[in-house]
Amino acid sequence: MRRAWLVGTYAVLGCSRADAGPQPSGSAKSQLVGTWRAVEYTRGPDDARTYPFGRPPRGYIVYDATGHVFFQVASAGQSAPPRDKGWNQADTAALHQMLRSASAYFGTYSVDASRGTVTHRIEGEIPPLRSATEVATPFEIRGDTLALSSWLFLRVR
């Protein structure tokens, strides 16, 4: 199922597995190092798929060589506070909308190449959604494309 999803996603992006290029050389961790731009995030089964952050989402995940990870995403339709007020003066409805349409976290990461997973150790998150501070996620890199669970990212060059 995972490979079918990845191949289908390449088709959505207008490229083929051959276009993705060869696997990068080096360790699995070194392959992750860099900045990746979000191009798709989905939830739900194929027949009822949703796109909680829009199509495409606006976001990045960054893996650095020191073992730190940073992630931020915002819906394309995210609204700004009124010009004469900041978020600290926004009403409850506006604050709820902001929390539903964005997410961010930071922490450290490690890679288990034998299992094909990356584990994020989350030190801070907005909005705070997780009770677990460690999240292990399957990942696959093909050329400049990173499939990370239900996310698809393209490497920024």
C-alpha atoms as a PDB file:
ATOM      1  CA  MET A   1       0.000   0.000   0.000  1.00  0.00           C
ATOM      2  CA  ARG A   2       2.805   2.429   0.907  1.00  0.00           C
ATOM      3  CA  ARG A   3       4.586   1.952  -2.424  1.00  0.00           C
ATOM      4  CA  ALA A   4       1.308   2.353  -4.326  1.00  0.00           C
ATOM      5  CA  TRP A   5       0.690   5.612  -2.484  1.00  0.00           C
ATOM      6  CA  LEU A   6       4.199   6.845  -3.245  1.00  0.00           C
ATOM      7  CA  VAL A   7       3.934   5.928  -6.932  1.00  0.00           C
ATOM      8  CA  GLY A   8       0.483   7.561  -7.096  1.00  0.00           C
ATOM      9  CA  THR A   9       1.874  10.689  -5.487  1.00  0.00           C
ATOM     10  CA  TYR A  10       4.653  10.889  -8.064  1.00  0.00           C
ATOM     11  CA  ALA A  11       1.951  10.751 -10.724  1.00  0.00           C
ATOM     12  CA  VAL A  12       0.040  13.594  -9.032  1.00  0.00           C
ATOM     13  CA  LEU A  13       3.216  15.676  -9.051  1.00  0.00           C
ATOM     14  CA  GLY A  14       3.752  14.958 -12.745  1.00  0.00           C
ATOM     15  CA  CYS A  15       6.910  12.903 -12.441  1.00  0.00           C
ATOM     16  CA  SER A  16       7.787   9.261 -12.584  1.00  0.00           C
ATOM     17  CA  ARG A  17       9.975   7.082 -10.413  1.00  0.00           C
ATOM     18  CA  ALA A  18      12.596   7.305 -13.152  1.00  0.00           C
ATOM     19  CA  ASP A  19      12.452  11.113 -12.916  1.00  0.00           C
ATOM     20  CA  ALA A  20      13.129  10.908  -9.203  1.00  0.00           C
ATOM     21  CA  GLY A  21      16.741   9.973  -9.868  1.00  0.00           C
ATOM     22  CA  PRO A  22      18.938   7.548  -8.011  1.00  0.00           C
ATOM     23  CA  GLN A  23      18.858   7.069  -4.277  1.00  0.00           C
ATOM     24  CA  PRO A  24      21.264   9.471  -2.585  1.00  0.00           C
ATOM     25  CA  SER A  25      24.425   7.826  -1.297  1.00  0.00           C
ATOM     26  CA  GLY A  26      25.352   7.943   2.362  1.00  0.00           C
ATOM     27  CA  SER A  27      23.606   7.074   5.580  1.00  0.00           C
ATOM     28  CA  ALA A  28      19.855   7.317   5.988  1.00  0.00           C
ATOM     29  CA  LYS A  29      20.390  10.227   8.394  1.00  0.00           C
ATOM     30  CA  SER A  30      22.570  12.140   5.926  1.00  0.00           C
ATOM     31  CA  GLN A  31      19.911  11.623   3.242  1.00  0.00           C
ATOM     32  CA  LEU A  32      17.358  13.401   5.474  1.00  0.00           C
ATOM     33  CA  VAL A  33      19.561  16.414   6.233  1.00  0.00           C
ATOM     34  CA  GLY A  34      18.213  19.504   4.508  1.00  0.00           C
ATOM     35  CA  THR A  35      15.099  21.588   4.030  1.00  0.00           C
ATOM     36  CA  TRP A  36      11.975  19.937   2.627  1.00  0.00           C
ATOM     37  CA  ARG A  37       8.894  21.819   1.348  1.00  0.00           C
ATOM     38  CA  ALA A  38       5.488  20.240   2.001  1.00  0.00           C
ATOM     39  CA  VAL A  39       3.570  19.416  -1.177  1.00  0.00           C
ATOM     40  CA  GLU A  40       0.818  17.172   0.200  1.00  0.00           C
ATOM     41  CA  TYR A  41      -0.742  16.012   3.445  1.00  0.00           C
ATOM     42  CA  THR A  42      -3.751  13.716   3.501  1.00  0.00           C
ATOM     43  CA  ARG A  43      -5.958  12.004   6.055  1.00  0.00           C
ATOM     44  CA  GLY A  44      -8.424   9.192   5.707  1.00  0.00           C
ATOM     45  CA  PRO A  45      -8.945   6.319   3.300  1.00  0.00           C
ATOM     46  CA  ASP A  46      -8.557   6.754  -0.461  1.00  0.00           C
ATOM     47  CA  ASP A  47     -12.321   7.060  -1.017  1.00  0.00           C
ATOM     48  CA  ALA A  48     -12.729   9.724   1.706  1.00  0.00           C
ATOM     49  CA  ARG A  49      -9.369  11.500   1.632  1.00  0.00           C
ATOM     50  CA  THR A  50      -9.165  14.979   3.154  1.00  0.00           C
ATOM     51  CA  TYR A  51      -6.494  17.672   2.947  1.00  0.00           C
ATOM     52  CA  PRO A  52      -6.523  19.370   6.383  1.00  0.00           C
ATOM     53  CA  PHE A  53      -3.918  21.994   5.438  1.00  0.00           C
ATOM     54  CA  GLY A  54      -5.162  22.568   1.880  1.00  0.00           C
ATOM     55  CA  ARG A  55      -3.718  21.644  -1.498  1.00  0.00           C
ATOM     56  CA  PRO A  56      -0.863  22.199  -1.353  1.00  0.00           C
ATOM     57  CA  PRO A  57      -0.095  22.890   2.295  1.00  0.00           C
ATOM     58  CA  ARG A  58       2.344  25.701   3.089  1.00  0.00           C
ATOM     59  CA  GLY A  59       5.091  24.288   5.229  1.00  0.00           C
ATOM     60  CA  TYR A  60       8.592  22.982   5.716  1.00  0.00           C
ATOM     61  CA  ILE A  61      10.433  20.355   7.690  1.00  0.00           C
ATOM     62  CA  VAL A  62      14.141  20.856   8.319  1.00  0.00           C
ATOM     63  CA  TYR A  63      16.575  18.166   9.441  1.00  0.00           C
ATOM     64  CA  ASP A  64      20.019  19.479  10.370  1.00  0.00           C
ATOM     65  CA  ALA A  65      23.304  17.607  10.661  1.00  0.00           C
ATOM     66  CA  THR A  66      23.395  18.082  14.453  1.00  0.00           C
ATOM     67  CA  GLY A  67      20.262  15.933  14.857  1.00  0.00           C
ATOM     68  CA  HIS A  68      17.642  18.683  15.215  1.00  0.00           C
ATOM     69  CA  VAL A  69      14.282  18.823  13.435  1.00  0.00           C
ATOM     70  CA  PHE A  70      11.988  21.807  12.874  1.00  0.00           C
ATOM     71  CA  PHE A  71       8.512  21.624  11.324  1.00  0.00           C
ATOM     72  CA  GLN A  72       5.977  24.340  10.496  1.00  0.00           C
ATOM     73  CA  VAL A  73       2.819  24.234   8.388  1.00  0.00           C
ATOM     74  CA  ALA A  74      -0.108  26.584   7.797  1.00  0.00           C
ATOM     75  CA  SER A  75      -3.217  26.225   5.692  1.00  0.00           C
ATOM     76  CA  ALA A  76      -3.232  28.187   2.464  1.00  0.00           C
ATOM     77  CA  GLY A  77      -6.408  29.944   3.621  1.00  0.00           C
ATOM     78  CA  GLN A  78      -5.110  30.900   7.059  1.00  0.00           C
ATOM     79  CA  SER A  79      -6.455  34.291   8.011  1.00  0.00           C
ATOM     80  CA  ALA A  80      -4.432  37.116   9.535  1.00  0.00           C
ATOM     81  CA  PRO A  81      -5.530  39.153  12.546  1.00  0.00           C
ATOM     82  CA  PRO A  82      -7.102  42.546  11.865  1.00  0.00           C
ATOM     83  CA  ARG A  83      -4.475  45.146  10.941  1.00  0.00           C
ATOM     84  CA  ASP A  84      -5.207  47.243  14.022  1.00  0.00           C
ATOM     85  CA  LYS A  85      -4.962  44.234  16.401  1.00  0.00           C
ATOM     86  CA  GLY A  86      -2.523  41.415  16.971  1.00  0.00           C
ATOM     87  CA  TRP A  87      -3.284  37.830  17.941  1.00  0.00           C
ATOM     88  CA  ASN A  88      -3.150  38.837  21.593  1.00  0.00           C
ATOM     89  CA  GLN A  89      -6.343  40.888  20.993  1.00  0.00           C
ATOM     90  CA  ALA A  90      -8.115  38.366  18.749  1.00  0.00           C
ATOM     91  CA  ASP A  91     -11.439  36.892  19.789  1.00  0.00           C
ATOM     92  CA  THR A  92     -11.865  33.233  20.721  1.00  0.00           C
ATOM     93  CA  ALA A  93     -13.177  32.191  17.289  1.00  0.00           C
ATOM     94  CA  ALA A  94     -10.151  33.698  15.529  1.00  0.00           C
ATOM     95  CA  LEU A  95      -7.765  31.977  17.941  1.00  0.00           C
ATOM     96  CA  HIS A  96      -9.478  28.611  17.432  1.00  0.00           C
ATOM     97  CA  GLN A  97      -9.234  29.038  13.650  1.00  0.00           C
ATOM     98  CA  MET A  98      -5.515  29.840  13.944  1.00  0.00           C
ATOM     99  CA  LEU A  99      -4.877  26.708  16.020  1.00  0.00           C
ATOM    100  CA  ARG A 100      -6.818  24.517  13.571  1.00  0.00           C
ATOM    101  CA  SER A 101      -4.994  25.865  10.527  1.00  0.00           C
ATOM    102  CA  ALA A 102      -1.372  25.650  11.647  1.00  0.00           C
ATOM    103  CA  SER A 103       1.056  23.381  13.438  1.00  0.00           C
ATOM    104  CA  ALA A 104       4.693  23.582  14.455  1.00  0.00           C
ATOM    105  CA  TYR A 105       7.181  21.639  16.520  1.00  0.00           C
ATOM    106  CA  PHE A 106      10.893  21.316  17.194  1.00  0.00           C
ATOM    107  CA  GLY A 107      13.200  18.800  18.786  1.00  0.00           C
ATOM    108  CA  THR A 108      15.760  16.177  17.895  1.00  0.00           C
ATOM    109  CA  TYR A 109      15.626  13.173  15.615  1.00  0.00           C
ATOM    110  CA  SER A 110      17.285   9.827  15.030  1.00  0.00           C
ATOM    111  CA  VAL A 111      17.043   7.387  12.139  1.00  0.00           C
ATOM    112  CA  ASP A 112      16.619   3.613  12.295  1.00  0.00           C
ATOM    113  CA  ALA A 113      17.637   2.582   8.774  1.00  0.00           C
ATOM    114  CA  SER A 114      16.856  -1.099   9.366  1.00  0.00           C
ATOM    115  CA  ARG A 115      13.223  -0.247  10.183  1.00  0.00           C
ATOM    116  CA  GLY A 116      12.949   2.674   7.751  1.00  0.00           C
ATOM    117  CA  THR A 117      11.802   5.043  10.511  1.00  0.00           C
ATOM    118  CA  VAL A 118      12.747   8.458  11.787  1.00  0.00           C
ATOM    119  CA  THR A 119      11.989   9.213  15.439  1.00  0.00           C
ATOM    120  CA  HIS A 120      11.228  12.809  16.388  1.00  0.00           C
ATOM    121  CA  ARG A 121      11.755  13.694  20.056  1.00  0.00           C
ATOM    122  CA  ILE A 122       9.447  16.673  20.388  1.00  0.00           C
ATOM    123  CA  GLU A 123      10.606  19.367  22.800  1.00  0.00           C
ATOM    124  CA  GLY A 124       7.921  21.940  21.956  1.00  0.00           C
ATOM    125  CA  GLU A 125       4.773  21.994  19.837  1.00  0.00           C
ATOM    126  CA  ILE A 126       2.071  24.494  18.877  1.00  0.00           C
ATOM    127  CA  PRO A 127      -0.708  23.656  19.389  1.00  0.00           C
ATOM    128  CA  PRO A 128       0.277  21.035  21.968  1.00  0.00           C
ATOM    129  CA  LEU A 129      -1.415  17.926  20.538  1.00  0.00           C
ATOM    130  CA  ARG A 130       0.696  14.957  21.515  1.00  0.00           C
ATOM    131  CA  SER A 131       0.923  13.199  24.822  1.00  0.00           C
ATOM    132  CA  ALA A 132       3.983  11.319  23.551  1.00  0.00           C
ATOM    133  CA  THR A 133       7.213  13.218  23.116  1.00  0.00           C
ATOM    134  CA  GLU A 134       8.724  10.556  20.840  1.00  0.00           C
ATOM    135  CA  VAL A 135       7.074   9.782  17.527  1.00  0.00           C
ATOM    136  CA  ALA A 136       8.547   7.112  15.213  1.00  0.00           C
ATOM    137  CA  THR A 137       7.395   7.528  11.615  1.00  0.00           C
ATOM    138  CA  PRO A 138       8.111   5.454   8.496  1.00  0.00           C
ATOM    139  CA  PHE A 139       9.891   7.397   5.765  1.00  0.00           C
ATOM    140  CA  GLU A 140      11.116   6.855   2.233  1.00  0.00           C
ATOM    141  CA  ILE A 141      13.371   9.038   0.101  1.00  0.00           C
ATOM    142  CA  ARG A 142      13.400   8.831  -3.697  1.00  0.00           C
ATOM    143  CA  GLY A 143      15.629  11.419  -5.295  1.00  0.00           C
ATOM    144  CA  ASP A 144      14.416  14.773  -3.990  1.00  0.00           C
ATOM    145  CA  THR A 145      11.087  13.426  -2.660  1.00  0.00           C
ATOM    146  CA  LEU A 146      10.479  12.486   0.981  1.00  0.00           C
ATOM    147  CA  ALA A 147       7.415  10.461   1.937  1.00  0.00           C
ATOM    148  CA  LEU A 148       6.924  10.795   5.694  1.00  0.00           C
ATOM    149  CA  SER A 149       3.781   8.991   6.824  1.00  0.00           C
ATOM    150  CA  SER A 150       0.869  10.936   5.243  1.00  0.00           C
ATOM    151  CA  TRP A 151       3.120  13.814   4.198  1.00  0.00           C
ATOM    152  CA  LEU A 152       4.970  14.339   0.949  1.00  0.00           C
ATOM    153  CA  PHE A 153       7.890  16.799   0.768  1.00  0.00           C
ATOM    154  CA  LEU A 154      10.257  17.994  -1.960  1.00  0.00           C
ATOM    155  CA  ARG A 155      13.859  18.885  -1.175  1.00  0.00           C
ATOM    156  CA  VAL A 156      14.607  22.609  -1.377  1.00  0.00           C
ATOM    157  CA  ARG A 157      17.736  23.332  -3.401  1.00  0.00           C
END
